[in-house]
PDB file of all heavy atoms in Angstrom:
ATOM      1  N   VAL A   1       0.844  -1.180  -0.001  1.00  0.00           N
ATOM      2  CA  VAL A   1       0.002  -0.003  -0.008  1.00  0.00           C
ATOM      3  C   VAL A   1       0.884   1.243   0.008  1.00  0.00           C
ATOM      4  O   VAL A   1       2.095   1.165   0.238  1.00  0.00           O
ATOM      5  CB  VAL A   1      -0.950   0.036   1.224  1.00  0.00           C
ATOM      6  CG1 VAL A   1      -1.910  -1.129   1.212  1.00  0.00           C
ATOM      7  CG2 VAL A   1      -0.169   0.054   2.527  1.00  0.00           C
ATOM      8  N   THR A   2       0.286   2.391  -0.223  1.00  0.00           N
ATOM      9  CA  THR A   2       1.025   3.643  -0.158  1.00  0.00           C
ATOM     10  C   THR A   2       1.373   3.917   1.304  1.00  0.00           C
ATOM     11  O   THR A   2       0.652   3.480   2.208  1.00  0.00           O
ATOM     12  CB  THR A   2       0.208   4.828  -0.705  1.00  0.00           C
ATOM     13  OG1 THR A   2      -0.952   5.003   0.114  1.00  0.00           O
ATOM     14  CG2 THR A   2      -0.173   4.629  -2.169  1.00  0.00           C
ATOM     15  N   PRO A   3       2.439   4.665   1.554  1.00  0.00           N
ATOM     16  CA  PRO A   3       2.787   5.013   2.937  1.00  0.00           C
ATOM     17  C   PRO A   3       1.644   5.752   3.646  1.00  0.00           C
ATOM     18  O   PRO A   3       1.434   5.554   4.841  1.00  0.00           O
ATOM     19  CB  PRO A   3       4.010   5.896   2.777  1.00  0.00           C
ATOM     20  CG  PRO A   3       4.645   5.438   1.502  1.00  0.00           C
ATOM     21  CD  PRO A   3       3.495   5.074   0.614  1.00  0.00           C
ATOM     22  N   ALA A   4       0.907   6.577   2.920  1.00  0.00           N
ATOM     23  CA  ALA A   4      -0.200   7.316   3.541  1.00  0.00           C
ATOM     24  C   ALA A   4      -1.257   6.364   4.077  1.00  0.00           C
ATOM     25  O   ALA A   4      -1.761   6.545   5.199  1.00  0.00           O
ATOM     26  CB  ALA A   4      -0.810   8.279   2.528  1.00  0.00           C
ATOM     27  N   LEU A   5      -1.594   5.338   3.333  1.00  0.00           N
ATOM     28  CA  LEU A   5      -2.596   4.375   3.789  1.00  0.00           C
ATOM     29  C   LEU A   5      -2.045   3.558   4.955  1.00  0.00           C
ATOM     30  O   LEU A   5      -2.736   3.339   5.950  1.00  0.00           O
ATOM     31  CB  LEU A   5      -3.002   3.443   2.642  1.00  0.00           C
ATOM     32  CG  LEU A   5      -4.002   2.333   3.014  1.00  0.00           C
ATOM     33  CD1 LEU A   5      -5.276   2.904   3.619  1.00  0.00           C
ATOM     34  CD2 LEU A   5      -4.359   1.501   1.771  1.00  0.00           C
ATOM     35  N   ALA A   6      -0.789   3.157   4.858  1.00  0.00           N
ATOM     36  CA  ALA A   6      -0.185   2.381   5.951  1.00  0.00           C
ATOM     37  C   ALA A   6      -0.166   3.153   7.252  1.00  0.00           C
ATOM     38  O   ALA A   6      -0.451   2.600   8.330  1.00  0.00           O
ATOM     39  CB  ALA A   6       1.236   1.962   5.555  1.00  0.00           C
ATOM     40  N   LEU A   7       0.102   4.454   7.186  1.00  0.00           N
ATOM     41  CA  LEU A   7       0.147   5.264   8.394  1.00  0.00           C
ATOM     42  C   LEU A   7      -1.236   5.586   8.976  1.00  0.00           C
ATOM     43  O   LEU A   7      -1.358   5.887  10.154  1.00  0.00           O
ATOM     44  CB  LEU A   7       0.901   6.578   8.118  1.00  0.00           C
ATOM     45  CG  LEU A   7       2.402   6.417   7.877  1.00  0.00           C
ATOM     46  CD1 LEU A   7       3.003   7.738   7.421  1.00  0.00           C
ATOM     47  CD2 LEU A   7       3.105   5.914   9.137  1.00  0.00           C
ATOM     48  N   SER A   8      -2.258   5.506   8.127  1.00  0.00           N
ATOM     49  CA  SER A   8      -3.604   5.849   8.574  1.00  0.00           C
ATOM     50  C   SER A   8      -4.319   4.684   9.263  1.00  0.00           C
ATOM     51  O   SER A   8      -5.350   4.860   9.899  1.00  0.00           O
ATOM     52  CB  SER A   8      -4.446   6.349   7.412  1.00  0.00           C
ATOM     53  OG  SER A   8      -4.768   5.268   6.545  1.00  0.00           O
ATOM     54  N   VAL A   9      -3.756   3.472   9.162  1.00  0.00           N
ATOM     55  CA  VAL A   9      -4.408   2.280   9.702  1.00  0.00           C
ATOM     56  C   VAL A   9      -3.733   1.859  11.005  1.00  0.00           C
ATOM     57  O   VAL A   9      -2.513   1.852  11.101  1.00  0.00           O
ATOM     58  CB  VAL A   9      -4.323   1.131   8.674  1.00  0.00           C
ATOM     59  CG1 VAL A   9      -4.940  -0.129   9.236  1.00  0.00           C
ATOM     60  CG2 VAL A   9      -4.993   1.521   7.382  1.00  0.00           C
ATOM     61  N   ARG A  10      -4.547   1.533  11.965  1.00  0.00           N
ATOM     62  CA  ARG A  10      -4.041   1.058  13.258  1.00  0.00           C
ATOM     63  C   ARG A  10      -4.246  -0.451  13.346  1.00  0.00           C
ATOM     64  O   ARG A  10      -5.243  -0.980  12.841  1.00  0.00           O
ATOM     65  CB  ARG A  10      -4.784   1.731  14.424  1.00  0.00           C
ATOM     66  CG  ARG A  10      -4.636   3.230  14.439  1.00  0.00           C
ATOM     67  CD  ARG A  10      -3.209   3.607  14.862  1.00  0.00           C
ATOM     68  NE  ARG A  10      -2.962   5.026  14.639  1.00  0.00           N
ATOM     69  CZ  ARG A  10      -2.011   5.497  13.855  1.00  0.00           C
ATOM     70  NH1 ARG A  10      -1.218   4.698  13.202  1.00  0.00           N
ATOM     71  NH2 ARG A  10      -1.838   6.789  13.710  1.00  0.00           N
ATOM     72  N   PRO A  11      -3.308  -1.149  13.965  1.00  0.00           N
ATOM     73  CA  PRO A  11      -3.452  -2.617  14.130  1.00  0.00           C
ATOM     74  C   PRO A  11      -4.789  -2.962  14.781  1.00  0.00           C
ATOM     75  O   PRO A  11      -5.206  -2.325  15.743  1.00  0.00           O
ATOM     76  CB  PRO A  11      -2.286  -3.003  15.030  1.00  0.00           C
ATOM     77  CG  PRO A  11      -1.266  -1.930  14.802  1.00  0.00           C
ATOM     78  CD  PRO A  11      -2.057  -0.681  14.563  1.00  0.00           C
ATOM     79  N   GLY A  12      -5.471  -3.938  14.212  1.00  0.00           N
ATOM     80  CA  GLY A  12      -6.753  -4.382  14.747  1.00  0.00           C
ATOM     81  C   GLY A  12      -7.959  -3.624  14.189  1.00  0.00           C
ATOM     82  O   GLY A  12      -9.086  -4.039  14.421  1.00  0.00           O
ATOM     83  N   SER A  13      -7.727  -2.552  13.463  1.00  0.00           N
ATOM     84  CA  SER A  13      -8.848  -1.784  12.927  1.00  0.00           C
ATOM     85  C   SER A  13      -9.370  -2.446  11.647  1.00  0.00           C
ATOM     86  O   SER A  13      -8.657  -3.184  10.987  1.00  0.00           O
ATOM     87  CB  SER A  13      -8.438  -0.336  12.642  1.00  0.00           C
ATOM     88  OG  SER A  13      -7.459  -0.287  11.634  1.00  0.00           O
ATOM     89  N   GLU A  14     -10.624  -2.173  11.341  1.00  0.00           N
ATOM     90  CA  GLU A  14     -11.236  -2.713  10.144  1.00  0.00           C
ATOM     91  C   GLU A  14     -11.211  -1.636   9.063  1.00  0.00           C
ATOM     92  O   GLU A  14     -11.565  -0.488   9.324  1.00  0.00           O
ATOM     93  CB  GLU A  14     -12.666  -3.157  10.399  1.00  0.00           C
ATOM     94  CG  GLU A  14     -12.755  -4.398  11.239  1.00  0.00           C
ATOM     95  CD  GLU A  14     -14.170  -4.960  11.294  1.00  0.00           C
ATOM     96  OE1 GLU A  14     -14.977  -4.688  10.375  1.00  0.00           O
ATOM     97  OE2 GLU A  14     -14.454  -5.663  12.273  1.00  0.00           O
ATOM     98  N   ILE A  15     -10.794  -2.048   7.838  1.00  0.00           N
ATOM     99  CA  ILE A  15     -10.769  -1.102   6.712  1.00  0.00           C
ATOM    100  C   ILE A  15     -11.256  -1.815   5.465  1.00  0.00           C
ATOM    101  O   ILE A  15     -11.246  -3.044   5.383  1.00  0.00           O
ATOM    102  CB  ILE A  15      -9.358  -0.525   6.466  1.00  0.00           C
ATOM    103  CG1 ILE A  15      -8.375  -1.637   6.112  1.00  0.00           C
ATOM    104  CG2 ILE A  15      -8.877   0.267   7.658  1.00  0.00           C
ATOM    105  CD1 ILE A  15      -7.052  -1.126   5.565  1.00  0.00           C
ATOM    106  N   LEU A  16     -11.658  -1.017   4.504  1.00  0.00           N
ATOM    107  CA  LEU A  16     -11.998  -1.522   3.176  1.00  0.00           C
ATOM    108  C   LEU A  16     -10.862  -1.160   2.257  1.00  0.00           C
ATOM    109  O   LEU A  16     -10.479   0.013   2.162  1.00  0.00           O
ATOM    110  CB  LEU A  16     -13.306  -0.888   2.669  1.00  0.00           C
ATOM    111  CG  LEU A  16     -13.685  -1.229   1.228  1.00  0.00           C
ATOM    112  CD1 LEU A  16     -13.995  -2.714   1.083  1.00  0.00           C
ATOM    113  CD2 LEU A  16     -14.868  -0.394   0.789  1.00  0.00           C
ATOM    114  N   VAL A  17     -10.273  -2.157   1.599  1.00  0.00           N
ATOM    115  CA  VAL A  17      -9.166  -1.936   0.701  1.00  0.00           C
ATOM    116  C   VAL A  17      -9.535  -2.461  -0.685  1.00  0.00           C
ATOM    117  O   VAL A  17      -9.987  -3.604  -0.814  1.00  0.00           O
ATOM    118  CB  VAL A  17      -7.885  -2.669   1.211  1.00  0.00           C
ATOM    119  CG1 VAL A  17      -6.719  -2.430   0.280  1.00  0.00           C
ATOM    120  CG2 VAL A  17      -7.537  -2.215   2.607  1.00  0.00           C
ATOM    121  N   HIS A  18      -9.361  -1.637  -1.687  1.00  0.00           N
ATOM    122  CA  HIS A  18      -9.581  -2.042  -3.088  1.00  0.00           C
ATOM    123  C   HIS A  18      -8.262  -2.615  -3.570  1.00  0.00           C
ATOM    124  O   HIS A  18      -7.222  -1.969  -3.440  1.00  0.00           O
ATOM    125  CB  HIS A  18     -10.015  -0.838  -3.926  1.00  0.00           C
ATOM    126  CG  HIS A  18     -11.226  -0.178  -3.368  1.00  0.00           C
ATOM    127  ND1 HIS A  18     -12.500  -0.583  -3.660  1.00  0.00           N
ATOM    128  CD2 HIS A  18     -11.351   0.857  -2.508  1.00  0.00           C
ATOM    129  CE1 HIS A  18     -13.368   0.176  -3.024  1.00  0.00           C
ATOM    130  NE2 HIS A  18     -12.691   1.058  -2.307  1.00  0.00           N
ATOM    131  N   THR A  19      -8.291  -3.835  -4.101  1.00  0.00           N
ATOM    132  CA  THR A  19      -7.031  -4.518  -4.407  1.00  0.00           C
ATOM    133  C   THR A  19      -6.847  -4.852  -5.881  1.00  0.00           C
ATOM    134  O   THR A  19      -7.808  -4.995  -6.630  1.00  0.00           O
ATOM    135  CB  THR A  19      -6.911  -5.821  -3.600  1.00  0.00           C
ATOM    136  OG1 THR A  19      -7.981  -6.697  -3.969  1.00  0.00           O
ATOM    137  CG2 THR A  19      -6.921  -5.564  -2.125  1.00  0.00           C
ATOM    138  N   ALA A  20      -5.578  -4.978  -6.233  1.00  0.00           N
ATOM    139  CA  ALA A  20      -5.164  -5.483  -7.544  1.00  0.00           C
ATOM    140  C   ALA A  20      -4.209  -6.634  -7.264  1.00  0.00           C
ATOM    141  O   ALA A  20      -3.286  -6.513  -6.454  1.00  0.00           O
ATOM    142  CB  ALA A  20      -4.462  -4.387  -8.351  1.00  0.00           C
ATOM    143  N   PHE A  21      -4.428  -7.757  -7.922  1.00  0.00           N
ATOM    144  CA  PHE A  21      -3.603  -8.948  -7.761  1.00  0.00           C
ATOM    145  C   PHE A  21      -2.709  -9.035  -8.996  1.00  0.00           C
ATOM    146  O   PHE A  21      -3.206  -9.223 -10.100  1.00  0.00           O
ATOM    147  CB  PHE A  21      -4.485 -10.183  -7.623  1.00  0.00           C
ATOM    148  CG  PHE A  21      -3.741 -11.450  -7.364  1.00  0.00           C
ATOM    149  CD1 PHE A  21      -2.951 -11.581  -6.227  1.00  0.00           C
ATOM    150  CD2 PHE A  21      -3.850 -12.523  -8.224  1.00  0.00           C
ATOM    151  CE1 PHE A  21      -2.279 -12.770  -5.974  1.00  0.00           C
ATOM    152  CE2 PHE A  21      -3.180 -13.706  -7.989  1.00  0.00           C
ATOM    153  CZ  PHE A  21      -2.388 -13.834  -6.857  1.00  0.00           C
ATOM    154  N   VAL A  22      -1.405  -8.863  -8.799  1.00  0.00           N
ATOM    155  CA  VAL A  22      -0.465  -8.832  -9.908  1.00  0.00           C
ATOM    156  C   VAL A  22       0.337 -10.135  -9.928  1.00  0.00           C
ATOM    157  O   VAL A  22       0.993 -10.469  -8.926  1.00  0.00           O
ATOM    158  CB  VAL A  22       0.477  -7.622  -9.806  1.00  0.00           C
ATOM    159  CG1 VAL A  22       1.486  -7.626 -10.940  1.00  0.00           C
ATOM    160  CG2 VAL A  22      -0.333  -6.331  -9.807  1.00  0.00           C
ATOM    161  N   VAL A  23       0.259 -10.839 -11.035  1.00  0.00           N
ATOM    162  CA  VAL A  23       0.980 -12.105 -11.193  1.00  0.00           C
ATOM    163  C   VAL A  23       2.161 -11.868 -12.110  1.00  0.00           C
ATOM    164  O   VAL A  23       2.008 -11.399 -13.242  1.00  0.00           O
ATOM    165  CB  VAL A  23       0.064 -13.202 -11.780  1.00  0.00           C
ATOM    166  CG1 VAL A  23       0.824 -14.487 -11.978  1.00  0.00           C
ATOM    167  CG2 VAL A  23      -1.153 -13.404 -10.895  1.00  0.00           C
ATOM    168  N   ARG A  24       3.345 -12.213 -11.613  1.00  0.00           N
ATOM    169  CA  ARG A  24       4.572 -12.129 -12.404  1.00  0.00           C
ATOM    170  C   ARG A  24       5.261 -13.475 -12.322  1.00  0.00           C
ATOM    171  O   ARG A  24       4.882 -14.328 -11.530  1.00  0.00           O
ATOM    172  CB  ARG A  24       5.468 -11.019 -11.862  1.00  0.00           C
ATOM    173  CG  ARG A  24       4.781  -9.639 -11.928  1.00  0.00           C
ATOM    174  CD  ARG A  24       5.671  -8.598 -11.404  1.00  0.00           C
ATOM    175  NE  ARG A  24       6.427  -8.066 -12.540  1.00  0.00           N
ATOM    176  CZ  ARG A  24       7.156  -6.995 -12.504  1.00  0.00           C
ATOM    177  NH1 ARG A  24       7.286  -6.330 -11.382  1.00  0.00           N
ATOM    178  NH2 ARG A  24       7.792  -6.569 -13.561  1.00  0.00           N
ATOM    179  N   GLU A  25       6.305 -13.646 -13.138  1.00  0.00           N
ATOM    180  CA  GLU A  25       7.040 -14.906 -13.133  1.00  0.00           C
ATOM    181  C   GLU A  25       7.546 -15.266 -11.735  1.00  0.00           C
ATOM    182  O   GLU A  25       7.498 -16.416 -11.338  1.00  0.00           O
ATOM    183  CB  GLU A  25       8.257 -14.797 -14.055  1.00  0.00           C
ATOM    184  CG  GLU A  25       7.946 -14.887 -15.515  1.00  0.00           C
ATOM    185  CD  GLU A  25       9.213 -14.799 -16.352  1.00  0.00           C
ATOM    186  OE1 GLU A  25      10.317 -15.033 -15.823  1.00  0.00           O
ATOM    187  OE2 GLU A  25       9.089 -14.502 -17.529  1.00  0.00           O
ATOM    188  N   ASP A  26       8.033 -14.269 -11.022  1.00  0.00           N
ATOM    189  CA  ASP A  26       8.705 -14.523  -9.759  1.00  0.00           C
ATOM    190  C   ASP A  26       7.869 -14.243  -8.510  1.00  0.00           C
ATOM    191  O   ASP A  26       8.332 -14.491  -7.399  1.00  0.00           O
ATOM    192  CB  ASP A  26      10.010 -13.722  -9.687  1.00  0.00           C
ATOM    193  CG  ASP A  26       9.779 -12.232  -9.879  1.00  0.00           C
ATOM    194  OD1 ASP A  26       8.699 -11.847 -10.364  1.00  0.00           O
ATOM    195  OD2 ASP A  26      10.679 -11.452  -9.534  1.00  0.00           O
ATOM    196  N   ALA A  27       6.650 -13.705  -8.654  1.00  0.00           N
ATOM    197  CA  ALA A  27       5.889 -13.349  -7.472  1.00  0.00           C
ATOM    198  C   ALA A  27       4.404 -13.125  -7.775  1.00  0.00           C
ATOM    199  O   ALA A  27       4.053 -12.734  -8.887  1.00  0.00           O
ATOM    200  CB  ALA A  27       6.458 -12.098  -6.834  1.00  0.00           C
ATOM    201  N   PHE A  28       3.589 -13.381  -6.765  1.00  0.00           N
ATOM    202  CA  PHE A  28       2.177 -13.005  -6.754  1.00  0.00           C
ATOM    203  C   PHE A  28       2.094 -11.883  -5.716  1.00  0.00           C
ATOM    204  O   PHE A  28       2.426 -12.098  -4.553  1.00  0.00           O
ATOM    205  CB  PHE A  28       1.274 -14.152  -6.332  1.00  0.00           C
ATOM    206  CG  PHE A  28       1.306 -15.329  -7.249  1.00  0.00           C
ATOM    207  CD1 PHE A  28       1.335 -16.622  -6.729  1.00  0.00           C
ATOM    208  CD2 PHE A  28       1.296 -15.190  -8.628  1.00  0.00           C
ATOM    209  CE1 PHE A  28       1.356 -17.713  -7.558  1.00  0.00           C
ATOM    210  CE2 PHE A  28       1.311 -16.274  -9.459  1.00  0.00           C
ATOM    211  CZ  PHE A  28       1.336 -17.547  -8.922  1.00  0.00           C
ATOM    212  N   THR A  29       1.650 -10.702  -6.122  1.00  0.00           N
ATOM    213  CA  THR A  29       1.641  -9.548  -5.215  1.00  0.00           C
ATOM    214  C   THR A  29       0.267  -8.897  -5.204  1.00  0.00           C
ATOM    215  O   THR A  29      -0.366  -8.753  -6.253  1.00  0.00           O
ATOM    216  CB  THR A  29       2.697  -8.509  -5.663  1.00  0.00           C
ATOM    217  OG1 THR A  29       3.936  -9.177  -5.870  1.00  0.00           O
ATOM    218  CG2 THR A  29       2.884  -7.458  -4.586  1.00  0.00           C
ATOM    219  N   ILE A  30      -0.165  -8.491  -4.019  1.00  0.00           N
ATOM    220  CA  ILE A  30      -1.443  -7.781  -3.861  1.00  0.00           C
ATOM    221  C   ILE A  30      -1.110  -6.322  -3.543  1.00  0.00           C
ATOM    222  O   ILE A  30      -0.305  -6.032  -2.656  1.00  0.00           O
ATOM    223  CB  ILE A  30      -2.289  -8.389  -2.736  1.00  0.00           C
ATOM    224  CG1 ILE A  30      -2.556  -9.875  -3.010  1.00  0.00           C
ATOM    225  CG2 ILE A  30      -3.612  -7.619  -2.605  1.00  0.00           C
ATOM    226  CD1 ILE A  30      -3.216 -10.590  -1.840  1.00  0.00           C
ATOM    227  N   PHE A  31      -1.750  -5.412  -4.278  1.00  0.00           N
ATOM    228  CA  PHE A  31      -1.615  -3.984  -4.039  1.00  0.00           C
ATOM    229  C   PHE A  31      -2.965  -3.467  -3.557  1.00  0.00           C
ATOM    230  O   PHE A  31      -4.000  -3.815  -4.134  1.00  0.00           O
ATOM    231  CB  PHE A  31      -1.180  -3.256  -5.315  1.00  0.00           C
ATOM    232  CG  PHE A  31       0.221  -3.615  -5.729  1.00  0.00           C
ATOM    233  CD1 PHE A  31       0.470  -4.739  -6.511  1.00  0.00           C
ATOM    234  CD2 PHE A  31       1.310  -2.870  -5.317  1.00  0.00           C
ATOM    235  CE1 PHE A  31       1.744  -5.087  -6.886  1.00  0.00           C
ATOM    236  CE2 PHE A  31       2.595  -3.207  -5.688  1.00  0.00           C
ATOM    237  CZ  PHE A  31       2.820  -4.323  -6.465  1.00  0.00           C
ATOM    238  N   GLY A  32      -2.949  -2.662  -2.495  1.00  0.00           N
ATOM    239  CA  GLY A  32      -4.194  -2.175  -1.906  1.00  0.00           C
ATOM    240  C   GLY A  32      -4.316  -0.666  -1.987  1.00  0.00           C
ATOM    241  O   GLY A  32      -3.313   0.049  -1.884  1.00  0.00           O
ATOM    242  N   PHE A  33      -5.558  -0.195  -2.138  1.00  0.00           N
ATOM    243  CA  PHE A  33      -5.826   1.227  -2.328  1.00  0.00           C
ATOM    244  C   PHE A  33      -7.043   1.636  -1.516  1.00  0.00           C
ATOM    245  O   PHE A  33      -7.966   0.878  -1.317  1.00  0.00           O
ATOM    246  CB  PHE A  33      -6.051   1.538  -3.804  1.00  0.00           C
ATOM    247  CG  PHE A  33      -4.897   1.087  -4.650  1.00  0.00           C
ATOM    248  CD1 PHE A  33      -4.914  -0.143  -5.264  1.00  0.00           C
ATOM    249  CD2 PHE A  33      -3.770   1.877  -4.793  1.00  0.00           C
ATOM    250  CE1 PHE A  33      -3.841  -0.586  -6.015  1.00  0.00           C
ATOM    251  CE2 PHE A  33      -2.698   1.460  -5.546  1.00  0.00           C
ATOM    252  CZ  PHE A  33      -2.725   0.228  -6.153  1.00  0.00           C
ATOM    253  N   GLU A  34      -7.026   2.929  -1.108  1.00  0.00           N
ATOM    254  CA  GLU A  34      -8.138   3.478  -0.337  1.00  0.00           C
ATOM    255  C   GLU A  34      -9.397   3.673  -1.161  1.00  0.00           C
ATOM    256  O   GLU A  34     -10.507   3.590  -0.638  1.00  0.00           O
ATOM    257  CB  GLU A  34      -7.748   4.838   0.250  1.00  0.00           C
ATOM    258  CG  GLU A  34      -6.738   4.771   1.360  1.00  0.00           C
ATOM    259  CD  GLU A  34      -6.476   6.136   1.951  1.00  0.00           C
ATOM    260  OE1 GLU A  34      -7.267   6.562   2.804  1.00  0.00           O
ATOM    261  OE2 GLU A  34      -5.486   6.747   1.546  1.00  0.00           O
ATOM    262  N   SER A  35      -9.235   3.945  -2.447  1.00  0.00           N
ATOM    263  CA  SER A  35     -10.408   4.283  -3.285  1.00  0.00           C
ATOM    264  C   SER A  35     -10.348   3.566  -4.613  1.00  0.00           C
ATOM    265  O   SER A  35      -9.289   3.102  -5.053  1.00  0.00           O
ATOM    266  CB  SER A  35     -10.467   5.802  -3.522  1.00  0.00           C
ATOM    267  OG  SER A  35      -9.395   6.193  -4.368  1.00  0.00           O
ATOM    268  N   THR A  36     -11.497   3.501  -5.271  1.00  0.00           N
ATOM    269  CA  THR A  36     -11.542   2.905  -6.607  1.00  0.00           C
ATOM    270  C   THR A  36     -10.823   3.805  -7.617  1.00  0.00           C
ATOM    271  O   THR A  36     -10.282   3.302  -8.582  1.00  0.00           O
ATOM    272  CB  THR A  36     -12.997   2.670  -7.065  1.00  0.00           C
ATOM    273  OG1 THR A  36     -13.726   3.883  -6.986  1.00  0.00           O
ATOM    274  CG2 THR A  36     -13.663   1.592  -6.225  1.00  0.00           C
ATOM    275  N   ASP A  37     -10.789   5.124  -7.358  1.00  0.00           N
ATOM    276  CA  ASP A  37     -10.026   6.027  -8.233  1.00  0.00           C
ATOM    277  C   ASP A  37      -8.553   5.657  -8.228  1.00  0.00           C
ATOM    278  O   ASP A  37      -7.915   5.631  -9.275  1.00  0.00           O
ATOM    279  CB  ASP A  37     -10.190   7.481  -7.813  1.00  0.00           C
ATOM    280  CG  ASP A  37     -11.464   8.114  -8.327  1.00  0.00           C
ATOM    281  OD1 ASP A  37     -12.138   7.478  -9.165  1.00  0.00           O
ATOM    282  OD2 ASP A  37     -11.779   9.227  -7.894  1.00  0.00           O
ATOM    283  N   GLU A  38      -8.004   5.383  -7.039  1.00  0.00           N
ATOM    284  CA  GLU A  38      -6.595   4.988  -6.956  1.00  0.00           C
ATOM    285  C   GLU A  38      -6.371   3.659  -7.678  1.00  0.00           C
ATOM    286  O   GLU A  38      -5.375   3.495  -8.381  1.00  0.00           O
ATOM    287  CB  GLU A  38      -6.152   4.872  -5.499  1.00  0.00           C
ATOM    288  CG  GLU A  38      -5.958   6.192  -4.813  1.00  0.00           C
ATOM    289  CD  GLU A  38      -5.409   6.031  -3.397  1.00  0.00           C
ATOM    290  OE1 GLU A  38      -5.371   4.909  -2.861  1.00  0.00           O
ATOM    291  OE2 GLU A  38      -5.016   7.058  -2.827  1.00  0.00           O
ATOM    292  N   LEU A  39      -7.291   2.718  -7.513  1.00  0.00           N
ATOM    293  CA  LEU A  39      -7.161   1.416  -8.172  1.00  0.00           C
ATOM    294  C   LEU A  39      -7.211   1.551  -9.684  1.00  0.00           C
ATOM    295  O   LEU A  39      -6.383   0.985 -10.406  1.00  0.00           O
ATOM    296  CB  LEU A  39      -8.248   0.459  -7.685  1.00  0.00           C
ATOM    297  CG  LEU A  39      -8.291  -0.929  -8.340  1.00  0.00           C
ATOM    298  CD1 LEU A  39      -6.971  -1.680  -8.132  1.00  0.00           C
ATOM    299  CD2 LEU A  39      -9.450  -1.735  -7.773  1.00  0.00           C
ATOM    300  N   ARG A  40      -8.162   2.334 -10.205  1.00  0.00           N
ATOM    301  CA  ARG A  40      -8.254   2.551 -11.652  1.00  0.00           C
ATOM    302  C   ARG A  40      -7.002   3.248 -12.168  1.00  0.00           C
ATOM    303  O   ARG A  40      -6.480   2.929 -13.249  1.00  0.00           O
ATOM    304  CB  ARG A  40      -9.489   3.378 -11.998  1.00  0.00           C
ATOM    305  CG  ARG A  40     -10.765   2.552 -12.023  1.00  0.00           C
ATOM    306  CD  ARG A  40     -11.907   3.352 -12.598  1.00  0.00           C
ATOM    307  NE  ARG A  40     -12.284   4.470 -11.756  1.00  0.00           N
ATOM    308  CZ  ARG A  40     -13.307   4.479 -10.937  1.00  0.00           C
ATOM    309  NH1 ARG A  40     -14.082   3.423 -10.845  1.00  0.00           N
ATOM    310  NH2 ARG A  40     -13.597   5.520 -10.203  1.00  0.00           N
ATOM    311  N   THR A  41      -6.513   4.231 -11.404  1.00  0.00           N
ATOM    312  CA  THR A  41      -5.288   4.940 -11.794  1.00  0.00           C
ATOM    313  C   THR A  41      -4.120   3.977 -11.847  1.00  0.00           C
ATOM    314  O   THR A  41      -3.313   4.003 -12.784  1.00  0.00           O
ATOM    315  CB  THR A  41      -5.005   6.086 -10.815  1.00  0.00           C
ATOM    316  OG1 THR A  41      -6.119   6.970 -10.801  1.00  0.00           O
ATOM    317  CG2 THR A  41      -3.754   6.861 -11.208  1.00  0.00           C
ATOM    318  N   PHE A  42      -4.017   3.093 -10.874  1.00  0.00           N
ATOM    319  CA  PHE A  42      -2.969   2.079 -10.806  1.00  0.00           C
ATOM    320  C   PHE A  42      -3.008   1.203 -12.076  1.00  0.00           C
ATOM    321  O   PHE A  42      -1.976   0.971 -12.716  1.00  0.00           O
ATOM    322  CB  PHE A  42      -3.167   1.231  -9.552  1.00  0.00           C
ATOM    323  CG  PHE A  42      -2.197   0.088  -9.392  1.00  0.00           C
ATOM    324  CD1 PHE A  42      -0.898   0.315  -8.955  1.00  0.00           C
ATOM    325  CD2 PHE A  42      -2.597  -1.222  -9.645  1.00  0.00           C
ATOM    326  CE1 PHE A  42      -0.002  -0.746  -8.786  1.00  0.00           C
ATOM    327  CE2 PHE A  42      -1.723  -2.276  -9.466  1.00  0.00           C
ATOM    328  CZ  PHE A  42      -0.420  -2.045  -9.038  1.00  0.00           C
ATOM    329  N   ASP A  43      -4.196   0.738 -12.444  1.00  0.00           N
ATOM    330  CA  ASP A  43      -4.332  -0.103 -13.633  1.00  0.00           C
ATOM    331  C   ASP A  43      -3.948   0.638 -14.900  1.00  0.00           C
ATOM    332  O   ASP A  43      -3.293   0.078 -15.784  1.00  0.00           O
ATOM    333  CB  ASP A  43      -5.756  -0.657 -13.744  1.00  0.00           C
ATOM    334  CG  ASP A  43      -6.053  -1.717 -12.692  1.00  0.00           C
ATOM    335  OD1 ASP A  43      -5.104  -2.363 -12.213  1.00  0.00           O
ATOM    336  OD2 ASP A  43      -7.237  -1.916 -12.357  1.00  0.00           O
ATOM    337  N   LEU A  44      -4.355   1.902 -15.005  1.00  0.00           N
ATOM    338  CA  LEU A  44      -3.994   2.692 -16.198  1.00  0.00           C
ATOM    339  C   LEU A  44      -2.485   2.935 -16.252  1.00  0.00           C
ATOM    340  O   LEU A  44      -1.893   2.839 -17.320  1.00  0.00           O
ATOM    341  CB  LEU A  44      -4.747   4.028 -16.196  1.00  0.00           C
ATOM    342  CG  LEU A  44      -6.216   3.958 -16.572  1.00  0.00           C
ATOM    343  CD1 LEU A  44      -6.895   5.289 -16.312  1.00  0.00           C
ATOM    344  CD2 LEU A  44      -6.379   3.549 -18.017  1.00  0.00           C
ATOM    345  N   LEU A  45      -1.876   3.241 -15.130  1.00  0.00           N
ATOM    346  CA  LEU A  45      -0.437   3.456 -15.098  1.00  0.00           C
ATOM    347  C   LEU A  45       0.328   2.206 -15.518  1.00  0.00           C
ATOM    348  O   LEU A  45       1.302   2.280 -16.266  1.00  0.00           O
ATOM    349  CB  LEU A  45       0.025   3.907 -13.694  1.00  0.00           C
ATOM    350  CG  LEU A  45      -0.343   5.320 -13.290  1.00  0.00           C
ATOM    351  CD1 LEU A  45      -0.116   5.518 -11.790  1.00  0.00           C
ATOM    352  CD2 LEU A  45       0.459   6.332 -14.096  1.00  0.00           C
ATOM    353  N   ARG A  46      -0.124   1.060 -15.072  1.00  0.00           N
ATOM    354  CA  ARG A  46       0.560  -0.202 -15.421  1.00  0.00           C
ATOM    355  C   ARG A  46       0.407  -0.549 -16.897  1.00  0.00           C
ATOM    356  O   ARG A  46       1.183  -1.342 -17.427  1.00  0.00           O
ATOM    357  CB  ARG A  46       0.031  -1.367 -14.572  1.00  0.00           C
ATOM    358  CG  ARG A  46       0.515  -1.310 -13.168  1.00  0.00           C
ATOM    359  CD  ARG A  46       0.159  -2.549 -12.349  1.00  0.00           C
ATOM    360  NE  ARG A  46      -1.167  -3.061 -12.653  1.00  0.00           N
ATOM    361  CZ  ARG A  46      -1.400  -4.329 -13.032  1.00  0.00           C
ATOM    362  NH1 ARG A  46      -0.436  -5.188 -13.156  1.00  0.00           N
ATOM    363  NH2 ARG A  46      -2.622  -4.732 -13.257  1.00  0.00           N
TER     364      ARG A  46
END
């Protein structure tokens, strides 16, 4: 996640995260975002 999202979340708190699952040869990685705008932007940038 972005540092801003990581800093805004406290351990044990409940949040809604919009995710993208990226599959590469060497790794399966999940990227999380606060909003659908950030997720759509992420997909367009990639």
